[in-house]
């Protein structure tokens, strides 16, 4: 009997942990972010476990600074609306998330989220790009020092650290990973 109660509680907590609450019939993100798991491979969940309208083409988590000790602590993430610019070799924007925004997506309310919804942009063109993170006013918050390769292929759950198709930022940019977590390099005070 106790096992059944434990199982039922686990299922209820797990299913309610998506980070969404009902507020007068309108779904919003909770202040605690539920079970959002900042710093983990966004696409592993969004492109495998969640419905197609929540699939992501490109995604990651941005932190306030490089000195984070716990990537799961939502207080370490940078709040505010952050945009991704994908730049060509001359540093001209080729893609900008402001051009592929869906105002009905709850993801923009999540702290530290950077992403492009796959239903807004199916694939990135093949090539090598630099990545810049800005605020809505165009202030550069961080920029990649190296270029990132893209192959115009879908994300592969069996190969999340795909050096030829680097769409899942948190696969590489993770504490103890091949690259440090993404963080605001310019002024962490710009984070909300």
C-alpha atoms as a PDB file:
ATOM      1  CA  UNK A   1       0.000   0.000   0.000  1.00  0.00           C
ATOM      2  CA  UNK A   2       2.784   2.473   0.919  1.00  0.00           C
ATOM      3  CA  UNK A   3       4.513   1.698  -2.379  1.00  0.00           C
ATOM      4  CA  UNK A   4       1.360   2.610  -4.300  1.00  0.00           C
ATOM      5  CA  UNK A   5       0.991   5.910  -2.453  1.00  0.00           C
ATOM      6  CA  UNK A   6       4.643   6.746  -3.092  1.00  0.00           C
ATOM      7  CA  UNK A   7       4.246   5.873  -6.790  1.00  0.00           C
ATOM      8  CA  UNK A   8       1.084   7.977  -7.089  1.00  0.00           C
ATOM      9  CA  UNK A   9       2.768  10.974  -5.409  1.00  0.00           C
ATOM     10  CA  UNK A  10       5.804  10.602  -7.661  1.00  0.00           C
ATOM     11  CA  UNK A  11       3.624  10.556 -10.796  1.00  0.00           C
ATOM     12  CA  UNK A  12       1.608  13.597  -9.635  1.00  0.00           C
ATOM     13  CA  UNK A  13       4.757  15.578  -8.789  1.00  0.00           C
ATOM     14  CA  UNK A  14       6.482  14.528 -12.018  1.00  0.00           C
ATOM     15  CA  UNK A  15       3.535  15.436 -14.232  1.00  0.00           C
ATOM     16  CA  UNK A  16       2.987  18.762 -12.502  1.00  0.00           C
ATOM     17  CA  UNK A  17       6.677  19.656 -12.650  1.00  0.00           C
ATOM     18  CA  UNK A  18       6.775  21.022 -16.205  1.00  0.00           C
ATOM     19  CA  UNK A  19       6.987  24.539 -14.841  1.00  0.00           C
ATOM     20  CA  UNK A  20       3.485  25.565 -15.872  1.00  0.00           C
ATOM     21  CA  UNK A  21       0.754  26.756 -13.541  1.00  0.00           C
ATOM     22  CA  UNK A  22      -2.812  27.702 -14.295  1.00  0.00           C
ATOM     23  CA  UNK A  23      -3.632  31.327 -13.618  1.00  0.00           C
ATOM     24  CA  UNK A  24      -7.218  32.267 -14.414  1.00  0.00           C
ATOM     25  CA  UNK A  25      -7.280  29.702 -17.212  1.00  0.00           C
ATOM     26  CA  UNK A  26      -4.061  31.062 -18.709  1.00  0.00           C
ATOM     27  CA  UNK A  27      -0.894  28.998 -18.527  1.00  0.00           C
ATOM     28  CA  UNK A  28       2.210  30.767 -17.184  1.00  0.00           C
ATOM     29  CA  UNK A  29       5.598  29.664 -15.925  1.00  0.00           C
ATOM     30  CA  UNK A  30       5.894  29.232 -12.184  1.00  0.00           C
ATOM     31  CA  UNK A  31       8.398  31.333 -10.279  1.00  0.00           C
ATOM     32  CA  UNK A  32      10.373  28.223  -9.359  1.00  0.00           C
ATOM     33  CA  UNK A  33      10.590  27.011 -12.981  1.00  0.00           C
ATOM     34  CA  UNK A  34       9.301  23.579 -11.974  1.00  0.00           C
ATOM     35  CA  UNK A  35      11.516  20.800 -13.293  1.00  0.00           C
ATOM     36  CA  UNK A  36      13.095  22.868 -16.024  1.00  0.00           C
ATOM     37  CA  UNK A  37      16.703  21.685 -15.542  1.00  0.00           C
ATOM     38  CA  UNK A  38      18.779  24.669 -16.628  1.00  0.00           C
ATOM     39  CA  UNK A  39      22.160  23.720 -18.056  1.00  0.00           C
ATOM     40  CA  UNK A  40      21.079  20.344 -19.417  1.00  0.00           C
ATOM     41  CA  UNK A  41      20.667  19.351 -23.064  1.00  0.00           C
ATOM     42  CA  UNK A  42      17.504  21.310 -23.977  1.00  0.00           C
ATOM     43  CA  UNK A  43      16.890  19.418 -27.199  1.00  0.00           C
ATOM     44  CA  UNK A  44      17.049  15.992 -25.507  1.00  0.00           C
ATOM     45  CA  UNK A  45      13.784  16.850 -23.765  1.00  0.00           C
ATOM     46  CA  UNK A  46      12.177  19.268 -26.198  1.00  0.00           C
ATOM     47  CA  UNK A  47      12.814  17.224 -29.328  1.00  0.00           C
ATOM     48  CA  UNK A  48      12.220  13.777 -27.831  1.00  0.00           C
ATOM     49  CA  UNK A  49       9.754  13.942 -24.937  1.00  0.00           C
ATOM     50  CA  UNK A  50       7.659  17.018 -25.693  1.00  0.00           C
ATOM     51  CA  UNK A  51       5.090  17.690 -28.405  1.00  0.00           C
ATOM     52  CA  UNK A  52       6.217  18.907 -31.817  1.00  0.00           C
ATOM     53  CA  UNK A  53       5.086  22.502 -31.191  1.00  0.00           C
ATOM     54  CA  UNK A  54       7.705  22.675 -28.399  1.00  0.00           C
ATOM     55  CA  UNK A  55      10.587  21.268 -30.460  1.00  0.00           C
ATOM     56  CA  UNK A  56      13.661  23.473 -30.617  1.00  0.00           C
ATOM     57  CA  UNK A  57      16.087  24.043 -33.463  1.00  0.00           C
ATOM     58  CA  UNK A  58      18.791  25.630 -31.320  1.00  0.00           C
ATOM     59  CA  UNK A  59      18.887  26.139 -27.544  1.00  0.00           C
ATOM     60  CA  UNK A  60      20.940  26.708 -24.418  1.00  0.00           C
ATOM     61  CA  UNK A  61      21.059  28.260 -20.964  1.00  0.00           C
ATOM     62  CA  UNK A  62      22.826  31.533 -20.146  1.00  0.00           C
ATOM     63  CA  UNK A  63      24.247  32.216 -16.672  1.00  0.00           C
ATOM     64  CA  UNK A  64      25.064  35.465 -14.887  1.00  0.00           C
ATOM     65  CA  UNK A  65      28.793  34.745 -14.768  1.00  0.00           C
ATOM     66  CA  UNK A  66      31.394  32.025 -15.200  1.00  0.00           C
ATOM     67  CA  UNK A  67      31.752  31.326 -11.477  1.00  0.00           C
ATOM     68  CA  UNK A  68      28.649  29.166 -11.134  1.00  0.00           C
ATOM     69  CA  UNK A  69      28.859  26.227  -8.795  1.00  0.00           C
ATOM     70  CA  UNK A  70      25.430  24.716  -9.418  1.00  0.00           C
ATOM     71  CA  UNK A  71      23.983  24.799 -12.933  1.00  0.00           C
ATOM     72  CA  UNK A  72      20.621  23.592 -11.605  1.00  0.00           C
ATOM     73  CA  UNK A  73      20.178  26.694  -9.423  1.00  0.00           C
ATOM     74  CA  UNK A  74      17.810  28.969 -11.320  1.00  0.00           C
ATOM     75  CA  UNK A  75      19.199  31.963  -9.384  1.00  0.00           C
ATOM     76  CA  UNK A  76      22.468  31.561 -11.327  1.00  0.00           C
ATOM     77  CA  UNK A  77      20.760  32.051 -14.699  1.00  0.00           C
ATOM     78  CA  UNK A  78      20.470  35.370 -16.490  1.00  0.00           C
ATOM     79  CA  UNK A  79      16.933  36.700 -16.591  1.00  0.00           C
ATOM     80  CA  UNK A  80      15.531  39.109 -19.117  1.00  0.00           C
ATOM     81  CA  UNK A  81      14.777  38.625 -22.775  1.00  0.00           C
ATOM     82  CA  UNK A  82      17.922  37.378 -24.466  1.00  0.00           C
ATOM     83  CA  UNK A  83      18.310  37.070 -28.227  1.00  0.00           C
ATOM     84  CA  UNK A  84      20.635  34.877 -30.278  1.00  0.00           C
ATOM     85  CA  UNK A  85      22.340  36.266 -33.346  1.00  0.00           C
ATOM     86  CA  UNK A  86      23.972  33.712 -35.628  1.00  0.00           C
ATOM     87  CA  UNK A  87      26.719  35.533 -37.530  1.00  0.00           C
ATOM     88  CA  UNK A  88      28.534  34.827 -40.795  1.00  0.00           C
ATOM     89  CA  UNK A  89      32.330  35.100 -41.231  1.00  0.00           C
ATOM     90  CA  UNK A  90      32.044  38.906 -41.584  1.00  0.00           C
ATOM     91  CA  UNK A  91      30.030  39.026 -38.305  1.00  0.00           C
ATOM     92  CA  UNK A  92      26.822  39.996 -40.085  1.00  0.00           C
ATOM     93  CA  UNK A  93      23.657  38.488 -38.554  1.00  0.00           C
ATOM     94  CA  UNK A  94      22.274  35.652 -40.679  1.00  0.00           C
ATOM     95  CA  UNK A  95      19.655  34.560 -38.150  1.00  0.00           C
ATOM     96  CA  UNK A  96      18.288  36.447 -35.167  1.00  0.00           C
ATOM     97  CA  UNK A  97      15.793  34.953 -32.753  1.00  0.00           C
ATOM     98  CA  UNK A  98      13.776  38.199 -32.776  1.00  0.00           C
ATOM     99  CA  UNK A  99      12.852  37.297 -36.374  1.00  0.00           C
ATOM    100  CA  UNK A 100      11.653  33.809 -35.372  1.00  0.00           C
ATOM    101  CA  UNK A 101       9.747  34.614 -32.211  1.00  0.00           C
ATOM    102  CA  UNK A 102       6.352  33.139 -31.356  1.00  0.00           C
ATOM    103  CA  UNK A 103       4.697  35.367 -28.765  1.00  0.00           C
ATOM    104  CA  UNK A 104       2.497  32.487 -27.574  1.00  0.00           C
ATOM    105  CA  UNK A 105       5.511  30.422 -26.440  1.00  0.00           C
ATOM    106  CA  UNK A 106       6.021  30.188 -22.683  1.00  0.00           C
ATOM    107  CA  UNK A 107       9.750  29.638 -23.195  1.00  0.00           C
ATOM    108  CA  UNK A 108      10.411  33.371 -23.282  1.00  0.00           C
ATOM    109  CA  UNK A 109       9.316  33.615 -19.672  1.00  0.00           C
ATOM    110  CA  UNK A 110      11.898  31.034 -18.604  1.00  0.00           C
ATOM    111  CA  UNK A 111      14.975  32.418 -16.933  1.00  0.00           C
ATOM    112  CA  UNK A 112      18.221  31.920 -18.860  1.00  0.00           C
ATOM    113  CA  UNK A 113      16.594  30.423 -21.957  1.00  0.00           C
ATOM    114  CA  UNK A 114      17.958  31.081 -25.422  1.00  0.00           C
ATOM    115  CA  UNK A 115      16.334  29.192 -28.283  1.00  0.00           C
ATOM    116  CA  UNK A 116      14.785  29.094 -31.723  1.00  0.00           C
ATOM    117  CA  UNK A 117      11.571  27.116 -32.073  1.00  0.00           C
ATOM    118  CA  UNK A 118      11.761  24.573 -34.870  1.00  0.00           C
ATOM    119  CA  UNK A 119       8.273  25.518 -36.062  1.00  0.00           C
ATOM    120  CA  UNK A 120       9.576  29.057 -36.636  1.00  0.00           C
ATOM    121  CA  UNK A 121      12.760  28.028 -38.483  1.00  0.00           C
ATOM    122  CA  UNK A 122      13.127  24.452 -39.725  1.00  0.00           C
ATOM    123  CA  UNK A 123      16.931  24.257 -40.173  1.00  0.00           C
ATOM    124  CA  UNK A 124      19.986  26.487 -40.051  1.00  0.00           C
ATOM    125  CA  UNK A 125      21.851  26.768 -43.340  1.00  0.00           C
ATOM    126  CA  UNK A 126      25.016  24.693 -43.508  1.00  0.00           C
ATOM    127  CA  UNK A 127      28.187  26.593 -42.645  1.00  0.00           C
ATOM    128  CA  UNK A 128      30.375  27.952 -39.887  1.00  0.00           C
ATOM    129  CA  UNK A 129      28.918  30.703 -37.731  1.00  0.00           C
ATOM    130  CA  UNK A 130      29.760  32.763 -34.676  1.00  0.00           C
ATOM    131  CA  UNK A 131      27.120  33.182 -31.983  1.00  0.00           C
ATOM    132  CA  UNK A 132      26.260  36.447 -30.233  1.00  0.00           C
ATOM    133  CA  UNK A 133      23.834  36.847 -27.342  1.00  0.00           C
ATOM    134  CA  UNK A 134      22.221  40.265 -27.001  1.00  0.00           C
ATOM    135  CA  UNK A 135      19.471  41.892 -25.012  1.00  0.00           C
ATOM    136  CA  UNK A 136      16.397  43.315 -26.777  1.00  0.00           C
ATOM    137  CA  UNK A 137      18.154  46.670 -27.199  1.00  0.00           C
ATOM    138  CA  UNK A 138      20.984  45.044 -29.167  1.00  0.00           C
ATOM    139  CA  UNK A 139      23.547  45.260 -26.370  1.00  0.00           C
ATOM    140  CA  UNK A 140      26.047  42.422 -26.776  1.00  0.00           C
ATOM    141  CA  UNK A 141      25.997  40.268 -23.656  1.00  0.00           C
ATOM    142  CA  UNK A 142      28.337  37.511 -24.897  1.00  0.00           C
ATOM    143  CA  UNK A 143      29.906  36.347 -28.140  1.00  0.00           C
ATOM    144  CA  UNK A 144      31.569  33.104 -29.136  1.00  0.00           C
ATOM    145  CA  UNK A 145      35.312  33.217 -29.611  1.00  0.00           C
ATOM    146  CA  UNK A 146      35.216  30.304 -32.055  1.00  0.00           C
ATOM    147  CA  UNK A 147      32.924  29.484 -34.941  1.00  0.00           C
ATOM    148  CA  UNK A 148      30.332  26.725 -34.723  1.00  0.00           C
ATOM    149  CA  UNK A 149      29.647  24.246 -37.511  1.00  0.00           C
ATOM    150  CA  UNK A 150      26.108  23.530 -38.755  1.00  0.00           C
ATOM    151  CA  UNK A 151      25.153  20.912 -41.342  1.00  0.00           C
ATOM    152  CA  UNK A 152      21.446  21.595 -41.950  1.00  0.00           C
ATOM    153  CA  UNK A 153      20.618  18.325 -40.213  1.00  0.00           C
ATOM    154  CA  UNK A 154      18.138  17.599 -37.448  1.00  0.00           C
ATOM    155  CA  UNK A 155      19.297  17.164 -33.853  1.00  0.00           C
ATOM    156  CA  UNK A 156      20.329  13.584 -33.088  1.00  0.00           C
ATOM    157  CA  UNK A 157      19.605  12.345 -29.530  1.00  0.00           C
ATOM    158  CA  UNK A 158      22.292   9.666 -30.037  1.00  0.00           C
ATOM    159  CA  UNK A 159      24.898  12.323 -30.830  1.00  0.00           C
ATOM    160  CA  UNK A 160      24.070  15.468 -28.820  1.00  0.00           C
ATOM    161  CA  UNK A 161      27.704  16.645 -28.878  1.00  0.00           C
ATOM    162  CA  UNK A 162      27.783  16.759 -32.648  1.00  0.00           C
ATOM    163  CA  UNK A 163      30.816  18.847 -33.615  1.00  0.00           C
ATOM    164  CA  UNK A 164      29.391  19.166 -37.138  1.00  0.00           C
ATOM    165  CA  UNK A 165      25.929  20.335 -36.084  1.00  0.00           C
ATOM    166  CA  UNK A 166      26.220  22.299 -32.856  1.00  0.00           C
ATOM    167  CA  UNK A 167      22.577  23.104 -32.159  1.00  0.00           C
ATOM    168  CA  UNK A 168      22.453  21.977 -28.526  1.00  0.00           C
ATOM    169  CA  UNK A 169      24.552  24.543 -26.641  1.00  0.00           C
ATOM    170  CA  UNK A 170      24.349  22.799 -23.280  1.00  0.00           C
ATOM    171  CA  UNK A 171      25.779  19.571 -24.683  1.00  0.00           C
ATOM    172  CA  UNK A 172      29.216  21.201 -24.832  1.00  0.00           C
ATOM    173  CA  UNK A 173      28.756  24.276 -22.629  1.00  0.00           C
ATOM    174  CA  UNK A 174      28.374  22.516 -19.293  1.00  0.00           C
ATOM    175  CA  UNK A 175      30.341  22.555 -16.064  1.00  0.00           C
ATOM    176  CA  UNK A 176      33.044  19.924 -16.483  1.00  0.00           C
ATOM    177  CA  UNK A 177      32.279  19.614 -20.209  1.00  0.00           C
ATOM    178  CA  UNK A 178      34.356  20.465 -23.251  1.00  0.00           C
ATOM    179  CA  UNK A 179      33.410  24.170 -22.921  1.00  0.00           C
ATOM    180  CA  UNK A 180      32.409  26.331 -19.956  1.00  0.00           C
ATOM    181  CA  UNK A 181      28.704  27.096 -19.490  1.00  0.00           C
ATOM    182  CA  UNK A 182      27.409  30.104 -21.442  1.00  0.00           C
ATOM    183  CA  UNK A 183      27.558  33.258 -19.352  1.00  0.00           C
ATOM    184  CA  UNK A 184      27.153  37.003 -19.668  1.00  0.00           C
ATOM    185  CA  UNK A 185      30.623  38.357 -20.390  1.00  0.00           C
ATOM    186  CA  UNK A 186      29.838  42.060 -20.596  1.00  0.00           C
ATOM    187  CA  UNK A 187      27.872  43.058 -17.502  1.00  0.00           C
ATOM    188  CA  UNK A 188      26.021  40.530 -15.334  1.00  0.00           C
ATOM    189  CA  UNK A 189      24.057  43.473 -13.837  1.00  0.00           C
ATOM    190  CA  UNK A 190      22.102  43.558 -17.123  1.00  0.00           C
ATOM    191  CA  UNK A 191      20.538  40.218 -16.090  1.00  0.00           C
ATOM    192  CA  UNK A 192      17.144  40.562 -14.431  1.00  0.00           C
END
